[in-house]
Amino acid sequence: MWYEKTALVLSAVGAINWGLNEFGFNLVNLIFGNWASIEALVYYVIALCGVFALYKIFK
């Protein structure tokens, strides 16, 4: 289904962003700038996609 693929892609984006943070580069902050509430919402959505992806793996 489309939402499963979307969740997997967003989880991968979150993982890549997490890795880039180790080098001082935040992709989400670069895209959304100083909109802290939007940035937090993006992190919540990516976290939920990660939980869903884990659920699908162990189902």
N, C-alpha and C. Protein backbone atom coordinates (compact mmCIF):
# COMPACT_ATOMS: atom_id res chain seq x y z
N MET A 1 0.83 -1.19 0.00
CA MET A 1 0.00 0.00 0.00
C MET A 1 0.88 1.25 0.00
N TRP A 2 0.31 2.33 -0.43
CA TRP A 2 1.08 3.57 -0.57
C TRP A 2 1.55 4.10 0.77
N TYR A 3 0.76 3.96 1.82
CA TYR A 3 1.14 4.53 3.10
C TYR A 3 2.28 3.74 3.74
N GLU A 4 2.39 2.46 3.43
CA GLU A 4 3.51 1.68 3.94
C GLU A 4 4.83 2.15 3.31
N LYS A 5 4.80 2.40 2.02
CA LYS A 5 5.99 2.90 1.34
C LYS A 5 6.34 4.30 1.82
N THR A 6 5.33 5.14 2.03
CA THR A 6 5.56 6.49 2.53
C THR A 6 6.18 6.46 3.92
N ALA A 7 5.68 5.59 4.78
CA ALA A 7 6.23 5.46 6.13
C ALA A 7 7.67 5.00 6.08
N LEU A 8 7.98 4.08 5.20
CA LEU A 8 9.34 3.59 5.08
C LEU A 8 10.28 4.67 4.57
N VAL A 9 9.84 5.43 3.59
CA VAL A 9 10.67 6.52 3.05
C VAL A 9 10.89 7.59 4.10
N LEU A 10 9.85 7.98 4.82
CA LEU A 10 10.02 9.00 5.86
C LEU A 10 10.90 8.50 7.00
N SER A 11 10.83 7.22 7.30
CA SER A 11 11.73 6.66 8.31
C SER A 11 13.18 6.73 7.84
N ALA A 12 13.40 6.44 6.58
CA ALA A 12 14.75 6.53 6.03
C ALA A 12 15.25 7.96 6.04
N VAL A 13 14.39 8.90 5.68
CA VAL A 13 14.77 10.32 5.72
C VAL A 13 15.14 10.73 7.14
N GLY A 14 14.37 10.26 8.11
CA GLY A 14 14.67 10.56 9.51
C GLY A 14 16.00 9.98 9.94
N ALA A 15 16.27 8.76 9.51
CA ALA A 15 17.55 8.13 9.85
C ALA A 15 18.72 8.87 9.20
N ILE A 16 18.56 9.27 7.96
CA ILE A 16 19.61 10.03 7.28
C ILE A 16 19.82 11.37 7.97
N ASN A 17 18.74 12.03 8.33
CA ASN A 17 18.85 13.32 9.02
C ASN A 17 19.54 13.15 10.38
N TRP A 18 19.23 12.08 11.06
CA TRP A 18 19.86 11.79 12.34
C TRP A 18 21.36 11.60 12.16
N GLY A 19 21.76 10.90 11.12
CA GLY A 19 23.17 10.73 10.82
C GLY A 19 23.85 12.03 10.43
N LEU A 20 23.16 12.86 9.67
CA LEU A 20 23.73 14.15 9.27
C LEU A 20 23.89 15.08 10.45
N ASN A 21 23.06 14.93 11.48
CA ASN A 21 23.18 15.77 12.67
C ASN A 21 24.53 15.58 13.35
N GLU A 22 25.12 14.41 13.22
CA GLU A 22 26.44 14.16 13.80
C GLU A 22 27.51 15.02 13.14
N PHE A 23 27.26 15.48 11.93
CA PHE A 23 28.19 16.34 11.21
C PHE A 23 27.77 17.81 11.28
N GLY A 24 26.78 18.11 12.12
CA GLY A 24 26.33 19.49 12.30
C GLY A 24 25.39 19.98 11.21
N PHE A 25 24.75 19.07 10.49
CA PHE A 25 23.85 19.45 9.40
C PHE A 25 22.46 18.91 9.71
N ASN A 26 21.47 19.79 9.78
CA ASN A 26 20.09 19.40 10.07
C ASN A 26 19.24 19.70 8.84
N LEU A 27 18.86 18.65 8.14
CA LEU A 27 18.11 18.79 6.89
C LEU A 27 16.72 19.39 7.12
N VAL A 28 16.04 18.97 8.18
CA VAL A 28 14.69 19.48 8.46
C VAL A 28 14.75 20.97 8.77
N ASN A 29 15.73 21.38 9.56
CA ASN A 29 15.89 22.80 9.88
C ASN A 29 16.24 23.60 8.62
N LEU A 30 17.03 23.01 7.74
CA LEU A 30 17.37 23.69 6.49
C LEU A 30 16.13 23.92 5.63
N ILE A 31 15.24 22.93 5.59
CA ILE A 31 14.04 23.04 4.76
C ILE A 31 13.02 24.01 5.37
N PHE A 32 12.78 23.91 6.69
CA PHE A 32 11.71 24.69 7.31
C PHE A 32 12.19 25.92 8.06
N GLY A 33 13.48 26.12 8.16
CA GLY A 33 14.01 27.33 8.78
C GLY A 33 13.65 27.47 10.24
N ASN A 34 13.21 28.65 10.61
CA ASN A 34 12.94 28.97 12.01
C ASN A 34 11.50 28.67 12.43
N TRP A 35 10.80 27.86 11.71
CA TRP A 35 9.44 27.48 12.07
C TRP A 35 9.51 26.29 13.02
N ALA A 36 9.72 26.57 14.29
CA ALA A 36 9.94 25.51 15.27
C ALA A 36 8.74 24.57 15.39
N SER A 37 7.54 25.11 15.29
CA SER A 37 6.35 24.25 15.43
C SER A 37 6.22 23.30 14.24
N ILE A 38 6.52 23.77 13.04
CA ILE A 38 6.48 22.91 11.86
C ILE A 38 7.58 21.86 11.93
N GLU A 39 8.75 22.30 12.38
CA GLU A 39 9.88 21.37 12.52
C GLU A 39 9.54 20.26 13.52
N ALA A 40 8.93 20.61 14.64
CA ALA A 40 8.53 19.62 15.63
C ALA A 40 7.48 18.67 15.05
N LEU A 41 6.53 19.20 14.29
CA LEU A 41 5.51 18.37 13.67
C LEU A 41 6.14 17.36 12.71
N VAL A 42 7.13 17.80 11.94
CA VAL A 42 7.82 16.90 11.02
C VAL A 42 8.50 15.78 11.80
N TYR A 43 9.15 16.12 12.91
CA TYR A 43 9.81 15.09 13.72
C TYR A 43 8.79 14.11 14.29
N TYR A 44 7.64 14.58 14.72
CA TYR A 44 6.60 13.68 15.23
C TYR A 44 6.09 12.74 14.15
N VAL A 45 5.86 13.27 12.97
CA VAL A 45 5.38 12.44 11.86
C VAL A 45 6.42 11.38 11.50
N ILE A 46 7.69 11.77 11.44
CA ILE A 46 8.75 10.82 11.12
C ILE A 46 8.86 9.76 12.21
N ALA A 47 8.71 10.16 13.47
CA ALA A 47 8.76 9.20 14.56
C ALA A 47 7.60 8.20 14.46
N LEU A 48 6.42 8.68 14.15
CA LEU A 48 5.27 7.78 13.99
C LEU A 48 5.49 6.83 12.81
N CYS A 49 6.09 7.32 11.75
CA CYS A 49 6.39 6.46 10.60
C CYS A 49 7.41 5.39 10.98
N GLY A 50 8.37 5.76 11.82
CA GLY A 50 9.34 4.78 12.30
C GLY A 50 8.69 3.70 13.13
N VAL A 51 7.79 4.07 14.01
CA VAL A 51 7.06 3.09 14.82
C VAL A 51 6.23 2.18 13.92
N PHE A 52 5.57 2.75 12.93
CA PHE A 52 4.77 1.96 12.01
C PHE A 52 5.64 1.00 11.21
N ALA A 53 6.82 1.47 10.78
CA ALA A 53 7.73 0.61 10.02
C ALA A 53 8.20 -0.56 10.89
N LEU A 54 8.50 -0.31 12.16
CA LEU A 54 8.88 -1.39 13.06
C LEU A 54 7.74 -2.38 13.24
N TYR A 55 6.53 -1.87 13.35
CA TYR A 55 5.36 -2.73 13.49
C TYR A 55 5.23 -3.65 12.26
N LYS A 56 5.42 -3.08 11.09
CA LYS A 56 5.28 -3.87 9.86
C LYS A 56 6.39 -4.91 9.73
N ILE A 57 7.57 -4.60 10.25
CA ILE A 57 8.68 -5.56 10.16
C ILE A 57 8.40 -6.77 11.03
N PHE A 58 7.90 -6.55 12.23
CA PHE A 58 7.71 -7.64 13.18
C PHE A 58 6.31 -8.25 13.15
N LYS A 59 5.50 -7.82 12.23
CA LYS A 59 4.14 -8.34 12.13
C LYS A 59 4.15 -9.73 11.51
